[in-house]
Each structure stands twice: as C-alpha cells, then as structure tokens.
C-alpha cells in the first residue's frame, strides 16, 4: 500500500451514546487518530470502520451494458 492509497482512504466514525440518533461522520485516514484522541479527552466512545465511497449507479450500469 502506498502513501497515496492511505491518504485517500476514508473511515466512518460513529460517536456512541450521543442520543437516539448517533452522530456519524466520515473522515480521511490522517484524521482518525485525532478523532480518537479528542473522544478520549472528553470521555466519549467512538466506533471506527473503513468506509468505501458508493459507486455511481450510472457508471456501474454502463460497464454492464457494453
């Protein structure tokens, strides 16, 4: 994996215990450590998951048509 691969990688951050609808954000790989540190400083729990951008449906259909 190259550094450019890591730079473009996204993660979905879910702040747990923030009410009936949890706060969910998407951040780049370089921001994950700061999110975790900030949550720890404020006694918050977070769930961190890799996130893949949804594919453009029209782009996917075009590949299957031809």
PDB file of N, CA and C in Angstrom:
ATOM      1  N   UNK A   1       0.860  -1.184   0.000  1.00  0.00           N
ATOM      2  CA  UNK A   1       0.000   0.000   0.000  1.00  0.00           C
ATOM      3  C   UNK A   1       0.897   1.235   0.000  1.00  0.00           C
ATOM      4  N   UNK A   2       0.643   2.142  -0.876  1.00  0.00           N
ATOM      5  CA  UNK A   2       1.439   3.362  -0.958  1.00  0.00           C
ATOM      6  C   UNK A   2       0.843   4.439  -0.076  1.00  0.00           C
ATOM      7  N   UNK A   3       1.617   5.489   0.168  1.00  0.00           N
ATOM      8  CA  UNK A   3       1.112   6.585   0.999  1.00  0.00           C
ATOM      9  C   UNK A   3      -0.075   7.268   0.342  1.00  0.00           C
ATOM     10  N   UNK A   4      -0.119   7.288  -1.004  1.00  0.00           N
ATOM     11  CA  UNK A   4      -1.259   7.908  -1.680  1.00  0.00           C
ATOM     12  C   UNK A   4      -2.522   7.071  -1.483  1.00  0.00           C
ATOM     13  N   UNK A   5      -2.383   5.726  -1.370  1.00  0.00           N
ATOM     14  CA  UNK A   5      -3.538   4.877  -1.080  1.00  0.00           C
ATOM     15  C   UNK A   5      -4.107   5.199   0.296  1.00  0.00           C
ATOM     16  N   UNK A   6      -3.216   5.366   1.269  1.00  0.00           N
ATOM     17  CA  UNK A   6      -3.662   5.659   2.635  1.00  0.00           C
ATOM     18  C   UNK A   6      -4.284   7.040   2.727  1.00  0.00           C
ATOM     19  N   UNK A   7      -3.747   7.983   1.993  1.00  0.00           N
ATOM     20  CA  UNK A   7      -4.250   9.359   2.054  1.00  0.00           C
ATOM     21  C   UNK A   7      -5.691   9.446   1.576  1.00  0.00           C
ATOM     22  N   UNK A   8      -6.061   8.620   0.600  1.00  0.00           N
ATOM     23  CA  UNK A   8      -7.403   8.668   0.054  1.00  0.00           C
ATOM     24  C   UNK A   8      -8.400   7.790   0.781  1.00  0.00           C
ATOM     25  N   UNK A   9      -7.945   6.993   1.727  1.00  0.00           N
ATOM     26  CA  UNK A   9      -8.823   6.066   2.439  1.00  0.00           C
ATOM     27  C   UNK A   9      -9.722   6.829   3.410  1.00  0.00           C
ATOM     28  N   UNK A  10     -10.970   6.426   3.469  1.00  0.00           N
ATOM     29  CA  UNK A  10     -11.943   7.074   4.352  1.00  0.00           C
ATOM     30  C   UNK A  10     -12.385   6.120   5.452  1.00  0.00           C
ATOM     31  N   UNK A  11     -12.763   6.710   6.575  1.00  0.00           N
ATOM     32  CA  UNK A  11     -13.276   5.938   7.701  1.00  0.00           C
ATOM     33  C   UNK A  11     -14.563   6.564   8.192  1.00  0.00           C
ATOM     34  N   UNK A  12     -15.501   5.727   8.599  1.00  0.00           N
ATOM     35  CA  UNK A  12     -16.783   6.175   9.144  1.00  0.00           C
ATOM     36  C   UNK A  12     -16.652   6.157  10.659  1.00  0.00           C
ATOM     37  N   UNK A  13     -16.852   7.310  11.287  1.00  0.00           N
ATOM     38  CA  UNK A  13     -16.749   7.465  12.732  1.00  0.00           C
ATOM     39  C   UNK A  13     -18.154   7.594  13.297  1.00  0.00           C
ATOM     40  N   UNK A  14     -18.502   6.731  14.248  1.00  0.00           N
ATOM     41  CA  UNK A  14     -19.793   6.811  14.927  1.00  0.00           C
ATOM     42  C   UNK A  14     -19.538   7.144  16.390  1.00  0.00           C
ATOM     43  N   UNK A  15     -20.080   8.273  16.839  1.00  0.00           N
ATOM     44  CA  UNK A  15     -19.959   8.668  18.238  1.00  0.00           C
ATOM     45  C   UNK A  15     -21.076   7.968  19.004  1.00  0.00           C
ATOM     46  N   UNK A  16     -20.698   7.073  19.905  1.00  0.00           N
ATOM     47  CA  UNK A  16     -21.680   6.276  20.640  1.00  0.00           C
ATOM     48  C   UNK A  16     -22.200   7.032  21.856  1.00  0.00           C
ATOM     49  N   UNK A  17     -23.474   6.804  22.180  1.00  0.00           N
ATOM     50  CA  UNK A  17     -24.073   7.409  23.366  1.00  0.00           C
ATOM     51  C   UNK A  17     -24.380   8.878  23.221  1.00  0.00           C
ATOM     52  N   UNK A  18     -24.634   9.350  22.012  1.00  0.00           N
ATOM     53  CA  UNK A  18     -24.918  10.772  21.805  1.00  0.00           C
ATOM     54  C   UNK A  18     -26.400  11.052  21.621  1.00  0.00           C
ATOM     55  N   UNK A  19     -27.246  10.116  22.024  1.00  0.00           N
ATOM     56  CA  UNK A  19     -28.680  10.318  21.891  1.00  0.00           C
ATOM     57  C   UNK A  19     -29.304   9.236  21.033  1.00  0.00           C
ATOM     58  N   UNK A  20     -30.572   9.410  20.687  1.00  0.00           N
ATOM     59  CA  UNK A  20     -31.282   8.381  19.929  1.00  0.00           C
ATOM     60  C   UNK A  20     -30.677   8.135  18.536  1.00  0.00           C
ATOM     61  N   UNK A  21     -30.164   9.167  17.907  1.00  0.00           N
ATOM     62  CA  UNK A  21     -29.525   9.017  16.603  1.00  0.00           C
ATOM     63  C   UNK A  21     -28.051   9.362  16.774  1.00  0.00           C
ATOM     64  N   UNK A  22     -27.161   8.369  16.710  1.00  0.00           N
ATOM     65  CA  UNK A  22     -25.744   8.670  16.933  1.00  0.00           C
ATOM     66  C   UNK A  22     -25.189   9.605  15.865  1.00  0.00           C
ATOM     67  N   UNK A  23     -24.197  10.388  16.268  1.00  0.00           N
ATOM     68  CA  UNK A  23     -23.518  11.300  15.358  1.00  0.00           C
ATOM     69  C   UNK A  23     -22.545  10.479  14.525  1.00  0.00           C
ATOM     70  N   UNK A  24     -22.667  10.530  13.200  1.00  0.00           N
ATOM     71  CA  UNK A  24     -21.817   9.759  12.297  1.00  0.00           C
ATOM     72  C   UNK A  24     -21.125  10.725  11.343  1.00  0.00           C
ATOM     73  N   UNK A  25     -19.812  10.544  11.196  1.00  0.00           N
ATOM     74  CA  UNK A  25     -19.024  11.392  10.299  1.00  0.00           C
ATOM     75  C   UNK A  25     -18.070  10.537   9.487  1.00  0.00           C
ATOM     76  N   UNK A  26     -17.657  11.037   8.360  1.00  0.00           N
ATOM     77  CA  UNK A  26     -16.673  10.366   7.523  1.00  0.00           C
ATOM     78  C   UNK A  26     -15.419  11.231   7.502  1.00  0.00           C
ATOM     79  N   UNK A  27     -14.270  10.607   7.810  1.00  0.00           N
ATOM     80  CA  UNK A  27     -13.012  11.343   7.855  1.00  0.00           C
ATOM     81  C   UNK A  27     -11.957  10.602   7.049  1.00  0.00           C
ATOM     82  N   UNK A  28     -10.913  11.318   6.668  1.00  0.00           N
ATOM     83  CA  UNK A  28      -9.791  10.711   5.969  1.00  0.00           C
ATOM     84  C   UNK A  28      -8.897  10.002   6.978  1.00  0.00           C
ATOM     85  N   UNK A  29      -8.074   9.081   6.492  1.00  0.00           N
ATOM     86  CA  UNK A  29      -7.226   8.261   7.343  1.00  0.00           C
ATOM     87  C   UNK A  29      -6.367   9.097   8.283  1.00  0.00           C
ATOM     88  N   UNK A  30      -5.849  10.205   7.804  1.00  0.00           N
ATOM     89  CA  UNK A  30      -4.984  11.048   8.616  1.00  0.00           C
ATOM     90  C   UNK A  30      -5.672  11.715   9.786  1.00  0.00           C
ATOM     91  N   UNK A  31      -6.999  11.724   9.793  1.00  0.00           N
ATOM     92  CA  UNK A  31      -7.760  12.381  10.854  1.00  0.00           C
ATOM     93  C   UNK A  31      -8.211  11.424  11.953  1.00  0.00           C
ATOM     94  N   UNK A  32      -8.090  10.119  11.727  1.00  0.00           N
ATOM     95  CA  UNK A  32      -8.631   9.130  12.661  1.00  0.00           C
ATOM     96  C   UNK A  32      -7.994   9.247  14.039  1.00  0.00           C
ATOM     97  N   UNK A  33      -6.688   9.350  14.112  1.00  0.00           N
ATOM     98  CA  UNK A  33      -6.008   9.435  15.406  1.00  0.00           C
ATOM     99  C   UNK A  33      -6.482  10.644  16.202  1.00  0.00           C
ATOM    100  N   UNK A  34      -6.665  11.778  15.540  1.00  0.00           N
ATOM    101  CA  UNK A  34      -7.126  12.988  16.224  1.00  0.00           C
ATOM    102  C   UNK A  34      -8.548  12.819  16.742  1.00  0.00           C
ATOM    103  N   UNK A  35      -9.399  12.142  15.975  1.00  0.00           N
ATOM    104  CA  UNK A  35     -10.782  11.893  16.413  1.00  0.00           C
ATOM    105  C   UNK A  35     -10.779  11.025  17.665  1.00  0.00           C
ATOM    106  N   UNK A  36      -9.961   9.968  17.659  1.00  0.00           N
ATOM    107  CA  UNK A  36      -9.893   9.066  18.814  1.00  0.00           C
ATOM    108  C   UNK A  36      -9.353   9.803  20.035  1.00  0.00           C
ATOM    109  N   UNK A  37      -8.310  10.601  19.840  1.00  0.00           N
ATOM    110  CA  UNK A  37      -7.736  11.359  20.948  1.00  0.00           C
ATOM    111  C   UNK A  37      -8.757  12.342  21.526  1.00  0.00           C
ATOM    112  N   UNK A  38      -9.455  13.050  20.657  1.00  0.00           N
ATOM    113  CA  UNK A  38     -10.467  14.020  21.104  1.00  0.00           C
ATOM    114  C   UNK A  38     -11.580  13.317  21.879  1.00  0.00           C
ATOM    115  N   UNK A  39     -12.030  12.187  21.377  1.00  0.00           N
ATOM    116  CA  UNK A  39     -13.085  11.432  22.065  1.00  0.00           C
ATOM    117  C   UNK A  39     -12.615  10.987  23.446  1.00  0.00           C
ATOM    118  N   UNK A  40     -11.391  10.494  23.535  1.00  0.00           N
ATOM    119  CA  UNK A  40     -10.852  10.050  24.821  1.00  0.00           C
ATOM    120  C   UNK A  40     -10.742  11.176  25.829  1.00  0.00           C
ATOM    121  N   UNK A  41     -10.350  12.349  25.361  1.00  0.00           N
ATOM    122  CA  UNK A  41     -10.231  13.506  26.246  1.00  0.00           C
ATOM    123  C   UNK A  41     -11.574  13.937  26.810  1.00  0.00           C
ATOM    124  N   UNK A  42     -12.662  13.636  26.086  1.00  0.00           N
ATOM    125  CA  UNK A  42     -13.993  14.057  26.513  1.00  0.00           C
ATOM    126  C   UNK A  42     -14.845  12.892  27.022  1.00  0.00           C
ATOM    127  N   UNK A  43     -14.214  11.735  27.261  1.00  0.00           N
ATOM    128  CA  UNK A  43     -14.926  10.581  27.806  1.00  0.00           C
ATOM    129  C   UNK A  43     -15.960  10.002  26.858  1.00  0.00           C
ATOM    130  N   UNK A  44     -15.743  10.158  25.561  1.00  0.00           N
ATOM    131  CA  UNK A  44     -16.680   9.655  24.557  1.00  0.00           C
ATOM    132  C   UNK A  44     -16.153   8.351  23.975  1.00  0.00           C
ATOM    133  N   UNK A  45     -17.068   7.513  23.512  1.00  0.00           N
ATOM    134  CA  UNK A  45     -16.702   6.300  22.813  1.00  0.00           C
ATOM    135  C   UNK A  45     -17.020   6.468  21.332  1.00  0.00           C
ATOM    136  N   UNK A  46     -16.122   5.961  20.494  1.00  0.00           N
ATOM    137  CA  UNK A  46     -16.335   6.030  19.057  1.00  0.00           C
ATOM    138  C   UNK A  46     -16.137   4.653  18.445  1.00  0.00           C
ATOM    139  N   UNK A  47     -16.857   4.413  17.380  1.00  0.00           N
ATOM    140  CA  UNK A  47     -16.702   3.219  16.566  1.00  0.00           C
ATOM    141  C   UNK A  47     -16.072   3.680  15.253  1.00  0.00           C
ATOM    142  N   UNK A  48     -14.959   3.057  14.872  1.00  0.00           N
ATOM    143  CA  UNK A  48     -14.239   3.436  13.656  1.00  0.00           C
ATOM    144  C   UNK A  48     -14.302   2.267  12.689  1.00  0.00           C
ATOM    145  N   UNK A  49     -14.835   2.539  11.483  1.00  0.00           N
ATOM    146  CA  UNK A  49     -14.935   1.496  10.443  1.00  0.00           C
ATOM    147  C   UNK A  49     -14.431   2.037   9.120  1.00  0.00           C
ATOM    148  N   UNK A  50     -13.786   1.181   8.325  1.00  0.00           N
ATOM    149  CA  UNK A  50     -13.413   1.622   6.978  1.00  0.00           C
ATOM    150  C   UNK A  50     -14.663   1.976   6.184  1.00  0.00           C
ATOM    151  N   UNK A  51     -14.549   2.955   5.314  1.00  0.00           N
ATOM    152  CA  UNK A  51     -15.690   3.399   4.517  1.00  0.00           C
ATOM    153  C   UNK A  51     -15.289   3.421   3.049  1.00  0.00           C
ATOM    154  N   UNK A  52     -16.116   2.823   2.231  1.00  0.00           N
ATOM    155  CA  UNK A  52     -15.902   2.827   0.791  1.00  0.00           C
ATOM    156  C   UNK A  52     -16.962   3.706   0.162  1.00  0.00           C
ATOM    157  N   UNK A  53     -16.525   4.619  -0.663  1.00  0.00           N
ATOM    158  CA  UNK A  53     -17.485   5.501  -1.343  1.00  0.00           C
ATOM    159  C   UNK A  53     -18.434   4.658  -2.183  1.00  0.00           C
ATOM    160  N   UNK A  54     -19.725   4.976  -2.147  1.00  0.00           N
ATOM    161  CA  UNK A  54     -20.665   4.250  -3.004  1.00  0.00           C
ATOM    162  C   UNK A  54     -20.328   4.496  -4.472  1.00  0.00           C
ATOM    163  N   UNK A  55     -20.474   3.474  -5.285  1.00  0.00           N
ATOM    164  CA  UNK A  55     -20.235   3.628  -6.712  1.00  0.00           C
ATOM    165  C   UNK A  55     -21.383   4.377  -7.351  1.00  0.00           C
ATOM    166  N   UNK A  56     -21.070   5.151  -8.367  1.00  0.00           N
ATOM    167  CA  UNK A  56     -22.091   5.857  -9.139  1.00  0.00           C
ATOM    168  C   UNK A  56     -22.877   4.800  -9.924  1.00  0.00           C
ATOM    169  N   UNK A  57     -24.185   4.719  -9.690  1.00  0.00           N
ATOM    170  CA  UNK A  57     -25.004   3.676 -10.312  1.00  0.00           C
ATOM    171  C   UNK A  57     -24.941   3.740 -11.831  1.00  0.00           C
ATOM    172  N   UNK A  58     -24.969   4.928 -12.419  1.00  0.00           N
ATOM    173  CA  UNK A  58     -24.941   5.042 -13.874  1.00  0.00           C
ATOM    174  C   UNK A  58     -23.612   4.524 -14.421  1.00  0.00           C
ATOM    175  N   UNK A  59     -22.520   4.739 -13.676  1.00  0.00           N
ATOM    176  CA  UNK A  59     -21.211   4.237 -14.097  1.00  0.00           C
ATOM    177  C   UNK A  59     -21.199   2.711 -14.072  1.00  0.00           C
ATOM    178  N   UNK A  60     -21.798   2.113 -13.041  1.00  0.00           N
ATOM    179  CA  UNK A  60     -21.858   0.674 -12.915  1.00  0.00           C
ATOM    180  C   UNK A  60     -22.705   0.068 -14.048  1.00  0.00           C
ATOM    181  N   UNK A  61     -23.831   0.699 -14.349  1.00  0.00           N
ATOM    182  CA  UNK A  61     -24.706   0.196 -15.422  1.00  0.00           C
ATOM    183  C   UNK A  61     -23.990   0.261 -16.768  1.00  0.00           C
ATOM    184  N   UNK A  62     -23.226   1.320 -16.998  1.00  0.00           N
ATOM    185  CA  UNK A  62     -22.529   1.476 -18.280  1.00  0.00           C
ATOM    186  C   UNK A  62     -21.520   0.346 -18.467  1.00  0.00           C
ATOM    187  N   UNK A  63     -20.881  -0.100 -17.415  1.00  0.00           N
ATOM    188  CA  UNK A  63     -19.916  -1.189 -17.526  1.00  0.00           C
ATOM    189  C   UNK A  63     -20.582  -2.505 -17.901  1.00  0.00           C
ATOM    190  N   UNK A  64     -21.796  -2.718 -17.403  1.00  0.00           N
ATOM    191  CA  UNK A  64     -22.504  -3.974 -17.672  1.00  0.00           C
ATOM    192  C   UNK A  64     -23.206  -3.973 -19.022  1.00  0.00           C
ATOM    193  N   UNK A  65     -23.490  -2.802 -19.591  1.00  0.00           N
ATOM    194  CA  UNK A  65     -24.202  -2.727 -20.868  1.00  0.00           C
ATOM    195  C   UNK A  65     -23.300  -3.052 -22.051  1.00  0.00           C
ATOM    196  N   UNK A  66     -22.023  -2.768 -21.949  1.00  0.00           N
ATOM    197  CA  UNK A  66     -21.188  -2.846 -23.117  1.00  0.00           C
ATOM    198  C   UNK A  66     -20.372  -4.059 -23.178  1.00  0.00           C
TER     199      UNK A  66
END
